[in-house]
Structure formats: structure tokens, C-alpha cells
Amino acid sequence: MTTIPLDSLNAGEQGHITGLAGAPDVRRRLMEMGLTPGTLLRVVRFAPLGDPIDIEVRGYHLSLRKHDARQIMLLRQ
């Protein structure tokens, strides 16, 4: 299986987080929001201009900029 960045999923698709890329402070901030390896998340919708992305993770909604979403690697389900 190959990993893909979160920003390449379409609305309604989901996947398990396999890892986080980017600078250590960015990875730490994403992990503090509950985006840890093994967690299942689902893309709910995109803003009208495509940024930010609304995702559902651990029972709550979270909006992420595409730049940050690109740092989250997933296995698509």
C-alpha cells in the first residue's frame, strides 16, 4: 500500500494516519490536535475556494489549511 497526503483525498473519503511530515513544531501542533499515527479521519468538505479542508477526527470537526493537510500522510480506506 502507498501513503498519500491528506490534501489529495476527496470529500467523503477516509484513511488512517501513517505519519506526519514537516518541521518538528508543525508535527507537534498537529499531534496536539489529535492527529496521531493510526487515527482514522474523514474528509467532510472543502471550502468554496478549496482551502481550508474540514475533516472529522476522533468525533470532532477540524479545519486545516491545505499546507498543513499536505503534511499528514494516510493509507486510504
Protein backbone atom coordinates (compact mmCIF):
# COMPACT_ATOMS: atom_id res chain seq x y z
CA MET A 1 0.00 0.00 0.00
CA THR A 2 1.13 3.51 -0.70
CA THR A 3 0.70 6.52 1.52
CA ILE A 4 -0.86 9.71 0.22
CA PRO A 5 -1.15 13.21 1.68
CA LEU A 6 -4.45 14.24 3.25
CA ASP A 7 -4.96 17.08 0.77
CA SER A 8 -5.27 14.56 -2.10
CA LEU A 9 -8.43 12.92 -0.71
CA ASN A 10 -11.89 13.90 -1.95
CA ALA A 11 -14.85 14.80 0.26
CA GLY A 12 -16.27 11.67 1.90
CA GLU A 13 -13.04 9.66 1.68
CA GLN A 14 -11.23 8.48 4.78
CA GLY A 15 -7.94 6.97 5.83
CA HIS A 16 -5.64 6.10 8.70
CA ILE A 17 -2.77 8.41 9.54
CA THR A 18 0.59 6.74 8.93
CA GLY A 19 2.84 9.66 9.75
CA LEU A 20 3.41 13.39 9.84
CA ALA A 21 5.96 15.32 7.78
CA GLY A 22 7.29 18.84 8.11
CA ALA A 23 9.09 20.80 10.77
CA PRO A 24 9.06 19.49 14.36
CA ASP A 25 6.90 22.37 15.62
CA VAL A 26 4.29 21.68 12.91
CA ARG A 27 4.25 17.95 13.69
CA ARG A 28 3.85 18.67 17.40
CA ARG A 29 0.94 21.08 16.77
CA LEU A 30 -0.84 18.52 14.56
CA MET A 31 -0.35 15.79 17.17
CA GLU A 32 -1.75 18.08 19.87
CA MET A 33 -4.92 18.38 17.76
CA GLY A 34 -5.33 14.58 17.89
CA LEU A 35 -3.74 13.77 14.53
CA THR A 36 -1.57 10.87 15.62
CA PRO A 37 -0.44 7.80 13.66
CA GLY A 38 -3.13 5.12 13.49
CA THR A 39 -6.03 7.57 13.84
CA LEU A 40 -8.90 7.31 11.36
CA LEU A 41 -10.05 10.57 9.78
CA ARG A 42 -12.61 11.53 7.14
CA VAL A 43 -12.69 14.49 4.78
CA VAL A 44 -16.06 16.18 5.27
CA ARG A 45 -15.87 19.09 2.81
CA PHE A 46 -13.70 21.74 1.24
CA ALA A 47 -14.26 25.48 1.49
CA PRO A 48 -15.62 27.07 -1.72
CA LEU A 49 -12.11 28.03 -2.88
CA GLY A 50 -10.63 24.70 -1.72
CA ASP A 51 -8.91 25.97 1.42
CA PRO A 52 -9.38 25.11 4.31
CA ILE A 53 -10.36 21.45 4.47
CA ASP A 54 -12.94 20.30 7.04
CA ILE A 55 -12.11 16.86 8.48
CA GLU A 56 -13.69 14.67 11.13
CA VAL A 57 -11.27 13.07 13.56
CA ARG A 58 -11.91 11.48 16.97
CA GLY A 59 -15.55 12.61 16.90
CA TYR A 60 -14.99 16.31 16.23
CA HIS A 61 -14.58 18.56 13.20
CA LEU A 62 -11.28 20.25 12.46
CA SER A 63 -10.42 22.75 9.74
CA LEU A 64 -6.93 22.57 8.28
CA ARG A 65 -5.15 24.67 5.70
CA LYS A 66 -4.06 22.71 2.62
CA HIS A 67 -0.44 23.43 3.52
CA ASP A 68 -0.89 21.67 6.88
CA ALA A 69 -3.03 18.88 5.38
CA ARG A 70 -0.19 18.14 2.95
CA GLN A 71 1.98 17.17 5.94
CA ILE A 72 -0.39 14.36 7.04
CA MET A 73 0.27 11.03 5.32
CA LEU A 74 -2.57 8.46 5.11
CA LEU A 75 -3.48 5.00 3.98
CA ARG A 76 -6.75 5.47 2.08
CA GLN A 77 -9.63 3.24 3.17
